[in-house]
Full PDB file with SEQRES, HELIX, SHEET, SSBOND, CRYST1, ORIGX, SCALE, CONECT and MASTER records, all heavy atoms in Angstrom:
SEQRES   1 A   33  ARG CYS ALA ALA ILE ILE SER ASP LEU LEU ASP PHE THR          
SEQRES   2 A   33  ARG ILE CYS PRO LEU GLU MET ALA SER LEU PRO ILE ASP          
SEQRES   3 A   33  ARG TRP LEU GLY VAL MET LEU                                  
HELIX    1 AA1 CYS A    2  THR A   13  1                                  12    
HELIX    2 AA2 ILE A   25  MET A   32  1                                   8    
CRYST1    1.000    1.000    1.000  90.00  90.00  90.00 P 1           1          
ORIGX1      1.000000  0.000000  0.000000        0.00000                         
ORIGX2      0.000000  1.000000  0.000000        0.00000                         
ORIGX3      0.000000  0.000000  1.000000        0.00000                         
SCALE1      1.000000  0.000000  0.000000        0.00000                         
SCALE2      0.000000  1.000000  0.000000        0.00000                         
SCALE3      0.000000  0.000000  1.000000        0.00000                         
ATOM      1  N   ARG A   1      -1.957 -16.833  -6.523  1.00  0.00           N  
ATOM      2  CA  ARG A   1      -1.031 -16.330  -5.503  1.00  0.00           C  
ATOM      3  C   ARG A   1       0.320 -15.994  -6.120  1.00  0.00           C  
ATOM      4  O   ARG A   1       0.947 -14.988  -5.782  1.00  0.00           O  
ATOM      5  CB  ARG A   1      -0.863 -17.362  -4.387  1.00  0.00           C  
ATOM      6  CG  ARG A   1       0.028 -16.849  -3.255  1.00  0.00           C  
ATOM      7  CD  ARG A   1       0.073 -17.825  -2.108  1.00  0.00           C  
ATOM      8  NE  ARG A   1      -1.255 -18.104  -1.630  1.00  0.00           N  
ATOM      9  CZ  ARG A   1      -1.635 -19.282  -1.123  1.00  0.00           C  
ATOM     10  NH1 ARG A   1      -0.789 -20.276  -1.056  1.00  0.00           N  
ATOM     11  NH2 ARG A   1      -2.855 -19.446  -0.699  1.00  0.00           N  
ATOM     12  N   CYS A   2       0.793 -16.854  -7.035  1.00  0.00           N  
ATOM     13  CA  CYS A   2       2.058 -16.577  -7.714  1.00  0.00           C  
ATOM     14  C   CYS A   2       1.966 -15.288  -8.522  1.00  0.00           C  
ATOM     15  O   CYS A   2       2.905 -14.486  -8.538  1.00  0.00           O  
ATOM     16  CB  CYS A   2       2.436 -17.742  -8.631  1.00  0.00           C  
ATOM     17  SG  CYS A   2       2.942 -19.241  -7.770  1.00  0.00           S  
ATOM     18  N   ALA A   3       0.828 -15.088  -9.187  1.00  0.00           N  
ATOM     19  CA  ALA A   3       0.646 -13.863  -9.962  1.00  0.00           C  
ATOM     20  C   ALA A   3       0.679 -12.641  -9.049  1.00  0.00           C  
ATOM     21  O   ALA A   3       1.238 -11.589  -9.412  1.00  0.00           O  
ATOM     22  CB  ALA A   3      -0.675 -13.924 -10.735  1.00  0.00           C  
ATOM     23  N   ALA A   4       0.101 -12.765  -7.859  1.00  0.00           N  
ATOM     24  CA  ALA A   4       0.120 -11.653  -6.907  1.00  0.00           C  
ATOM     25  C   ALA A   4       1.535 -11.363  -6.429  1.00  0.00           C  
ATOM     26  O   ALA A   4       1.926 -10.199  -6.269  1.00  0.00           O  
ATOM     27  CB  ALA A   4      -0.795 -11.963  -5.722  1.00  0.00           C  
ATOM     28  N   ILE A   5       2.331 -12.422  -6.197  1.00  0.00           N  
ATOM     29  CA  ILE A   5       3.721 -12.231  -5.778  1.00  0.00           C  
ATOM     30  C   ILE A   5       4.508 -11.516  -6.864  1.00  0.00           C  
ATOM     31  O   ILE A   5       5.311 -10.607  -6.592  1.00  0.00           O  
ATOM     32  CB  ILE A   5       4.368 -13.593  -5.441  1.00  0.00           C  
ATOM     33  CG1 ILE A   5       3.727 -14.177  -4.183  1.00  0.00           C  
ATOM     34  CG2 ILE A   5       5.878 -13.442  -5.241  1.00  0.00           C  
ATOM     35  CD1 ILE A   5       4.164 -15.596  -3.884  1.00  0.00           C  
ATOM     36  N   ILE A   6       4.288 -11.911  -8.122  1.00  0.00           N  
ATOM     37  CA  ILE A   6       4.975 -11.260  -9.236  1.00  0.00           C  
ATOM     38  C   ILE A   6       4.596  -9.785  -9.306  1.00  0.00           C  
ATOM     39  O   ILE A   6       5.449  -8.913  -9.523  1.00  0.00           O  
ATOM     40  CB  ILE A   6       4.648 -11.980 -10.557  1.00  0.00           C  
ATOM     41  CG1 ILE A   6       5.291 -13.368 -10.573  1.00  0.00           C  
ATOM     42  CG2 ILE A   6       5.123 -11.170 -11.755  1.00  0.00           C  
ATOM     43  CD1 ILE A   6       4.886 -14.227 -11.751  1.00  0.00           C  
ATOM     44  N   SER A   7       3.318  -9.490  -9.106  1.00  0.00           N  
ATOM     45  CA  SER A   7       2.882  -8.088  -9.112  1.00  0.00           C  
ATOM     46  C   SER A   7       3.544  -7.307  -7.983  1.00  0.00           C  
ATOM     47  O   SER A   7       3.946  -6.150  -8.162  1.00  0.00           O  
ATOM     48  CB  SER A   7       1.353  -8.009  -8.981  1.00  0.00           C  
ATOM     49  OG  SER A   7       0.722  -8.579 -10.100  1.00  0.00           O  
ATOM     50  N   ASP A   8       3.680  -7.945  -6.819  1.00  0.00           N  
ATOM     51  CA  ASP A   8       4.361  -7.284  -5.693  1.00  0.00           C  
ATOM     52  C   ASP A   8       5.821  -7.001  -6.030  1.00  0.00           C  
ATOM     53  O   ASP A   8       6.365  -5.946  -5.684  1.00  0.00           O  
ATOM     54  CB  ASP A   8       4.276  -8.154  -4.441  1.00  0.00           C  
ATOM     55  CG  ASP A   8       2.888  -8.172  -3.834  1.00  0.00           C  
ATOM     56  OD1 ASP A   8       2.082  -7.296  -4.186  1.00  0.00           O  
ATOM     57  OD2 ASP A   8       2.607  -9.071  -3.020  1.00  0.00           O  
ATOM     58  N   LEU A   9       6.477  -7.962  -6.699  1.00  0.00           N  
ATOM     59  CA  LEU A   9       7.871  -7.753  -7.094  1.00  0.00           C  
ATOM     60  C   LEU A   9       7.993  -6.597  -8.071  1.00  0.00           C  
ATOM     61  O   LEU A   9       8.918  -5.783  -7.986  1.00  0.00           O  
ATOM     62  CB  LEU A   9       8.433  -9.037  -7.713  1.00  0.00           C  
ATOM     63  CG  LEU A   9       8.731 -10.186  -6.745  1.00  0.00           C  
ATOM     64  CD1 LEU A   9       9.107 -11.439  -7.515  1.00  0.00           C  
ATOM     65  CD2 LEU A   9       9.837  -9.808  -5.777  1.00  0.00           C  
ATOM     66  N   LEU A  10       7.063  -6.506  -9.006  1.00  0.00           N  
ATOM     67  CA  LEU A  10       7.092  -5.407  -9.970  1.00  0.00           C  
ATOM     68  C   LEU A  10       6.847  -4.072  -9.269  1.00  0.00           C  
ATOM     69  O   LEU A  10       7.467  -3.059  -9.610  1.00  0.00           O  
ATOM     70  CB  LEU A  10       6.054  -5.636 -11.071  1.00  0.00           C  
ATOM     71  CG  LEU A  10       6.391  -6.744 -12.068  1.00  0.00           C  
ATOM     72  CD1 LEU A  10       5.209  -7.002 -13.009  1.00  0.00           C  
ATOM     73  CD2 LEU A  10       7.630  -6.383 -12.883  1.00  0.00           C  
ATOM     74  N   ASP A  11       5.947  -4.082  -8.281  1.00  0.00           N  
ATOM     75  CA  ASP A  11       5.720  -2.858  -7.508  1.00  0.00           C  
ATOM     76  C   ASP A  11       6.993  -2.436  -6.782  1.00  0.00           C  
ATOM     77  O   ASP A  11       7.284  -1.244  -6.645  1.00  0.00           O  
ATOM     78  CB  ASP A  11       4.589  -3.067  -6.493  1.00  0.00           C  
ATOM     79  CG  ASP A  11       3.225  -3.135  -7.151  1.00  0.00           C  
ATOM     80  OD1 ASP A  11       3.107  -2.681  -8.307  1.00  0.00           O  
ATOM     81  OD2 ASP A  11       2.287  -3.654  -6.521  1.00  0.00           O  
ATOM     82  N   PHE A  12       7.753  -3.428  -6.304  1.00  0.00           N  
ATOM     83  CA  PHE A  12       8.995  -3.147  -5.585  1.00  0.00           C  
ATOM     84  C   PHE A  12      10.002  -2.423  -6.482  1.00  0.00           C  
ATOM     85  O   PHE A  12      10.800  -1.609  -6.010  1.00  0.00           O  
ATOM     86  CB  PHE A  12       9.591  -4.456  -5.070  1.00  0.00           C  
ATOM     87  CG  PHE A  12      10.958  -4.308  -4.456  1.00  0.00           C  
ATOM     88  CD1 PHE A  12      11.114  -3.754  -3.203  1.00  0.00           C  
ATOM     89  CD2 PHE A  12      12.090  -4.716  -5.145  1.00  0.00           C  
ATOM     90  CE1 PHE A  12      12.373  -3.624  -2.635  1.00  0.00           C  
ATOM     91  CE2 PHE A  12      13.351  -4.586  -4.590  1.00  0.00           C  
ATOM     92  CZ  PHE A  12      13.486  -4.035  -3.335  1.00  0.00           C  
ATOM     93  N   THR A  13       9.992  -2.732  -7.778  1.00  0.00           N  
ATOM     94  CA  THR A  13      10.959  -2.123  -8.697  1.00  0.00           C  
ATOM     95  C   THR A  13      10.583  -0.700  -9.066  1.00  0.00           C  
ATOM     96  O   THR A  13      11.412   0.026  -9.621  1.00  0.00           O  
ATOM     97  CB  THR A  13      11.086  -2.958  -9.981  1.00  0.00           C  
ATOM     98  OG1 THR A  13       9.837  -2.937 -10.705  1.00  0.00           O  
ATOM     99  CG2 THR A  13      11.459  -4.385  -9.660  1.00  0.00           C  
ATOM    100  N   ARG A  14       9.348  -0.321  -8.797  1.00  0.00           N  
ATOM    101  CA  ARG A  14       8.915   1.037  -9.123  1.00  0.00           C  
ATOM    102  C   ARG A  14       9.114   1.924  -7.904  1.00  0.00           C  
ATOM    103  O   ARG A  14       8.433   1.787  -6.897  1.00  0.00           O  
ATOM    104  CB  ARG A  14       7.451   1.045  -9.544  1.00  0.00           C  
ATOM    105  CG  ARG A  14       7.148   0.131 -10.734  1.00  0.00           C  
ATOM    106  CD  ARG A  14       5.696   0.291 -11.165  1.00  0.00           C  
ATOM    107  NE  ARG A  14       5.350  -0.665 -12.187  1.00  0.00           N  
ATOM    108  CZ  ARG A  14       4.626  -1.763 -11.982  1.00  0.00           C  
ATOM    109  NH1 ARG A  14       4.162  -1.997 -10.766  1.00  0.00           N  
ATOM    110  NH2 ARG A  14       4.356  -2.590 -12.965  1.00  0.00           N  
ATOM    111  N   ILE A  15      10.046   2.822  -7.995  1.00  0.00           N  
ATOM    112  CA  ILE A  15      10.329   3.723  -6.886  1.00  0.00           C  
ATOM    113  C   ILE A  15       9.390   4.923  -6.989  1.00  0.00           C  
ATOM    114  O   ILE A  15       9.500   5.746  -7.896  1.00  0.00           O  
ATOM    115  CB  ILE A  15      11.794   4.187  -6.904  1.00  0.00           C  
ATOM    116  CG1 ILE A  15      12.724   2.972  -6.819  1.00  0.00           C  
ATOM    117  CG2 ILE A  15      12.067   5.159  -5.766  1.00  0.00           C  
ATOM    118  CD1 ILE A  15      14.182   3.308  -6.934  1.00  0.00           C  
ATOM    119  N   CYS A  16       8.440   4.980  -6.065  1.00  0.00           N  
ATOM    120  CA  CYS A  16       7.449   6.062  -6.074  1.00  0.00           C  
ATOM    121  C   CYS A  16       7.631   6.916  -4.819  1.00  0.00           C  
ATOM    122  O   CYS A  16       7.904   6.388  -3.741  1.00  0.00           O  
ATOM    123  CB  CYS A  16       6.032   5.484  -6.097  1.00  0.00           C  
ATOM    124  SG  CYS A  16       5.686   4.441  -7.535  1.00  0.00           S  
ATOM    125  N   PRO A  17       7.469   8.217  -4.964  1.00  0.00           N  
ATOM    126  CA  PRO A  17       7.585   9.081  -3.783  1.00  0.00           C  
ATOM    127  C   PRO A  17       6.439   8.817  -2.811  1.00  0.00           C  
ATOM    128  O   PRO A  17       5.310   8.514  -3.221  1.00  0.00           O  
ATOM    129  CB  PRO A  17       7.499  10.496  -4.369  1.00  0.00           C  
ATOM    130  CG  PRO A  17       6.768  10.322  -5.668  1.00  0.00           C  
ATOM    131  CD  PRO A  17       7.174   8.979  -6.184  1.00  0.00           C  
ATOM    132  N   LEU A  18       6.747   8.877  -1.521  1.00  0.00           N  
ATOM    133  CA  LEU A  18       5.709   8.703  -0.517  1.00  0.00           C  
ATOM    134  C   LEU A  18       4.767   9.896  -0.518  1.00  0.00           C  
ATOM    135  O   LEU A  18       5.183  11.034  -0.691  1.00  0.00           O  
ATOM    136  CB  LEU A  18       6.340   8.539   0.866  1.00  0.00           C  
ATOM    137  CG  LEU A  18       7.213   7.302   1.080  1.00  0.00           C  
ATOM    138  CD1 LEU A  18       7.813   7.336   2.483  1.00  0.00           C  
ATOM    139  CD2 LEU A  18       6.423   6.030   0.873  1.00  0.00           C  
ATOM    140  N   GLU A  19       3.502   9.624  -0.329  1.00  0.00           N  
ATOM    141  CA  GLU A  19       2.496  10.679  -0.230  1.00  0.00           C  
ATOM    142  C   GLU A  19       1.996  10.704   1.212  1.00  0.00           C  
ATOM    143  O   GLU A  19       1.020  10.052   1.567  1.00  0.00           O  
ATOM    144  CB  GLU A  19       1.355  10.422  -1.217  1.00  0.00           C  
ATOM    145  CG  GLU A  19       1.811  10.437  -2.680  1.00  0.00           C  
ATOM    146  CD  GLU A  19       0.671  10.238  -3.646  1.00  0.00           C  
ATOM    147  OE1 GLU A  19      -0.495  10.170  -3.190  1.00  0.00           O  
ATOM    148  OE2 GLU A  19       0.929  10.159  -4.863  1.00  0.00           O  
ATOM    149  N   MET A  20       2.696  11.467   2.023  1.00  0.00           N  
ATOM    150  CA  MET A  20       2.430  11.485   3.451  1.00  0.00           C  
ATOM    151  C   MET A  20       1.259  12.407   3.779  1.00  0.00           C  
ATOM    152  O   MET A  20       1.079  13.457   3.156  1.00  0.00           O  
ATOM    153  CB  MET A  20       3.669  11.927   4.212  1.00  0.00           C  
ATOM    154  CG  MET A  20       4.930  11.133   3.888  1.00  0.00           C  
ATOM    155  SD  MET A  20       4.789   9.401   4.338  1.00  0.00           S  
ATOM    156  CE  MET A  20       4.804   9.525   6.128  1.00  0.00           C  
ATOM    157  N   ALA A  21       0.483  11.991   4.763  1.00  0.00           N  
ATOM    158  CA  ALA A  21      -0.630  12.809   5.234  1.00  0.00           C  
ATOM    159  C   ALA A  21      -0.949  12.413   6.669  1.00  0.00           C  
ATOM    160  O   ALA A  21      -0.705  11.272   7.080  1.00  0.00           O  
ATOM    161  CB  ALA A  21      -1.854  12.632   4.340  1.00  0.00           C  
ATOM    162  N   SER A  22      -1.492  13.343   7.420  1.00  0.00           N  
ATOM    163  CA  SER A  22      -1.897  13.079   8.791  1.00  0.00           C  
ATOM    164  C   SER A  22      -3.332  12.569   8.791  1.00  0.00           C  
ATOM    165  O   SER A  22      -4.248  13.247   8.311  1.00  0.00           O  
ATOM    166  CB  SER A  22      -1.783  14.359   9.633  1.00  0.00           C  
ATOM    167  OG  SER A  22      -2.178  14.108  10.962  1.00  0.00           O  
ATOM    168  N   LEU A  23      -3.524  11.346   9.321  1.00  0.00           N  
ATOM    169  CA  LEU A  23      -4.842  10.715   9.292  1.00  0.00           C  
ATOM    170  C   LEU A  23      -5.184  10.153  10.665  1.00  0.00           C  
ATOM    171  O   LEU A  23      -4.305   9.669  11.382  1.00  0.00           O  
ATOM    172  CB  LEU A  23      -4.872   9.576   8.267  1.00  0.00           C  
ATOM    173  CG  LEU A  23      -4.628   9.947   6.802  1.00  0.00           C  
ATOM    174  CD1 LEU A  23      -4.489   8.671   5.963  1.00  0.00           C  
ATOM    175  CD2 LEU A  23      -5.766  10.795   6.272  1.00  0.00           C  
ATOM    176  N   PRO A  24      -6.462  10.170  11.041  1.00  0.00           N  
ATOM    177  CA  PRO A  24      -6.880   9.479  12.273  1.00  0.00           C  
ATOM    178  C   PRO A  24      -6.803   7.974  12.046  1.00  0.00           C  
ATOM    179  O   PRO A  24      -7.614   7.412  11.320  1.00  0.00           O  
ATOM    180  CB  PRO A  24      -8.313   9.975  12.486  1.00  0.00           C  
ATOM    181  CG  PRO A  24      -8.786  10.390  11.124  1.00  0.00           C  
ATOM    182  CD  PRO A  24      -7.577  10.862  10.383  1.00  0.00           C  
ATOM    183  N   ILE A  25      -5.839   7.330  12.676  1.00  0.00           N  
ATOM    184  CA  ILE A  25      -5.529   5.941  12.346  1.00  0.00           C  
ATOM    185  C   ILE A  25      -6.695   5.001  12.630  1.00  0.00           C  
ATOM    186  O   ILE A  25      -6.937   4.050  11.866  1.00  0.00           O  
ATOM    187  CB  ILE A  25      -4.240   5.487  13.081  1.00  0.00           C  
ATOM    188  CG1 ILE A  25      -3.776   4.120  12.577  1.00  0.00           C  
ATOM    189  CG2 ILE A  25      -4.451   5.493  14.585  1.00  0.00           C  
ATOM    190  CD1 ILE A  25      -3.335   4.105  11.149  1.00  0.00           C  
ATOM    191  N   ASP A  26      -7.441   5.239  13.708  1.00  0.00           N  
ATOM    192  CA  ASP A  26      -8.559   4.343  14.029  1.00  0.00           C  
ATOM    193  C   ASP A  26      -9.644   4.416  12.951  1.00  0.00           C  
ATOM    194  O   ASP A  26     -10.182   3.388  12.524  1.00  0.00           O  
ATOM    195  CB  ASP A  26      -9.148   4.692  15.393  1.00  0.00           C  
ATOM    196  CG  ASP A  26      -8.204   4.356  16.535  1.00  0.00           C  
ATOM    197  OD1 ASP A  26      -7.237   3.608  16.297  1.00  0.00           O  
ATOM    198  OD2 ASP A  26      -8.434   4.850  17.662  1.00  0.00           O  
ATOM    199  N   ARG A  27      -9.971   5.622  12.525  1.00  0.00           N  
ATOM    200  CA  ARG A  27     -10.985   5.769  11.483  1.00  0.00           C  
ATOM    201  C   ARG A  27     -10.492   5.186  10.166  1.00  0.00           C  
ATOM    202  O   ARG A  27     -11.247   4.523   9.447  1.00  0.00           O  
ATOM    203  CB  ARG A  27     -11.344   7.249  11.295  1.00  0.00           C  
ATOM    204  CG  ARG A  27     -12.501   7.483  10.323  1.00  0.00           C  
ATOM    205  CD  ARG A  27     -12.684   8.953  10.019  1.00  0.00           C  
ATOM    206  NE  ARG A  27     -12.817   9.745  11.239  1.00  0.00           N  
ATOM    207  CZ  ARG A  27     -12.759  11.072  11.268  1.00  0.00           C  
ATOM    208  NH1 ARG A  27     -12.529  11.751  10.150  1.00  0.00           N  
ATOM    209  NH2 ARG A  27     -12.902  11.716  12.400  1.00  0.00           N  
ATOM    210  N   TRP A  28      -9.213   5.400   9.861  1.00  0.00           N  
ATOM    211  CA  TRP A  28      -8.630   4.863   8.626  1.00  0.00           C  
ATOM    212  C   TRP A  28      -8.678   3.337   8.633  1.00  0.00           C  
ATOM    213  O   TRP A  28      -9.040   2.700   7.641  1.00  0.00           O  
ATOM    214  CB  TRP A  28      -7.200   5.373   8.492  1.00  0.00           C  
ATOM    215  CG  TRP A  28      -6.471   4.897   7.280  1.00  0.00           C  
ATOM    216  CD1 TRP A  28      -6.500   5.449   6.030  1.00  0.00           C  
ATOM    217  CD2 TRP A  28      -5.580   3.775   7.192  1.00  0.00           C  
ATOM    218  NE1 TRP A  28      -5.696   4.735   5.169  1.00  0.00           N  
ATOM    219  CE2 TRP A  28      -5.123   3.704   5.857  1.00  0.00           C  
ATOM    220  CE3 TRP A  28      -5.133   2.824   8.115  1.00  0.00           C  
ATOM    221  CZ2 TRP A  28      -4.236   2.720   5.423  1.00  0.00           C  
ATOM    222  CZ3 TRP A  28      -4.254   1.839   7.686  1.00  0.00           C  
ATOM    223  CH2 TRP A  28      -3.814   1.794   6.356  1.00  0.00           C  
ATOM    224  N   LEU A  29      -8.316   2.722   9.769  1.00  0.00           N  
ATOM    225  CA  LEU A  29      -8.388   1.272   9.890  1.00  0.00           C  
ATOM    226  C   LEU A  29      -9.826   0.777   9.761  1.00  0.00           C  
ATOM    227  O   LEU A  29     -10.093  -0.254   9.129  1.00  0.00           O  
ATOM    228  CB  LEU A  29      -7.809   0.821  11.232  1.00  0.00           C  
ATOM    229  CG  LEU A  29      -6.289   0.854  11.371  1.00  0.00           C  
ATOM    230  CD1 LEU A  29      -5.888   0.666  12.837  1.00  0.00           C  
ATOM    231  CD2 LEU A  29      -5.642  -0.225  10.511  1.00  0.00           C  
ATOM    232  N   GLY A  30     -10.753   1.525  10.348  1.00  0.00           N  
ATOM    233  CA  GLY A  30     -12.160   1.123  10.281  1.00  0.00           C  
ATOM    234  C   GLY A  30     -12.679   1.066   8.859  1.00  0.00           C  
ATOM    235  O   GLY A  30     -13.394   0.126   8.479  1.00  0.00           O  
ATOM    236  N   VAL A  31     -12.328   2.071   8.055  1.00  0.00           N  
ATOM    237  CA  VAL A  31     -12.761   2.086   6.648  1.00  0.00           C  
ATOM    238  C   VAL A  31     -12.145   0.907   5.898  1.00  0.00           C  
ATOM    239  O   VAL A  31     -12.822   0.224   5.112  1.00  0.00           O  
ATOM    240  CB  VAL A  31     -12.367   3.419   5.986  1.00  0.00           C  
ATOM    241  CG1 VAL A  31     -12.612   3.355   4.477  1.00  0.00           C  
ATOM    242  CG2 VAL A  31     -13.153   4.573   6.605  1.00  0.00           C  
ATOM    243  N   MET A  32     -10.857   0.645   6.142  1.00  0.00           N  
ATOM    244  CA  MET A  32     -10.196  -0.476   5.466  1.00  0.00           C  
ATOM    245  C   MET A  32     -10.859  -1.798   5.841  1.00  0.00           C  
ATOM    246  O   MET A  32     -11.087  -2.663   4.989  1.00  0.00           O  
ATOM    247  CB  MET A  32      -8.717  -0.504   5.833  1.00  0.00           C  
ATOM    248  CG  MET A  32      -7.934  -1.614   5.125  1.00  0.00           C  
ATOM    249  SD  MET A  32      -6.226  -1.746   5.735  1.00  0.00           S  
ATOM    250  CE  MET A  32      -6.521  -2.295   7.422  1.00  0.00           C  
ATOM    251  N   LEU A  33     -11.195  -1.963   7.108  1.00  0.00           N  
ATOM    252  CA  LEU A  33     -11.828  -3.200   7.563  1.00  0.00           C  
ATOM    253  C   LEU A  33     -13.245  -3.329   7.011  1.00  0.00           C  
ATOM    254  O   LEU A  33     -13.707  -4.445   6.720  1.00  0.00           O  
ATOM    255  CB  LEU A  33     -11.850  -3.253   9.089  1.00  0.00           C  
ATOM    256  CG  LEU A  33     -10.473  -3.385   9.759  1.00  0.00           C  
ATOM    257  CD1 LEU A  33     -10.607  -3.261  11.275  1.00  0.00           C  
ATOM    258  CD2 LEU A  33      -9.817  -4.707   9.396  1.00  0.00           C  
TER     259      LEU A  33                                                      
MASTER        0    0    0    2    0    0    0    6  258    1    0    3          
END                                                                             
């Protein structure tokens, strides 16, 4: 868990542009689940 937190902190320091797209949220949630 600590290693995951450290990885999250490192991700926070990397400023990446958002990749926006229009998606059907219900279907997107279903695939993730």
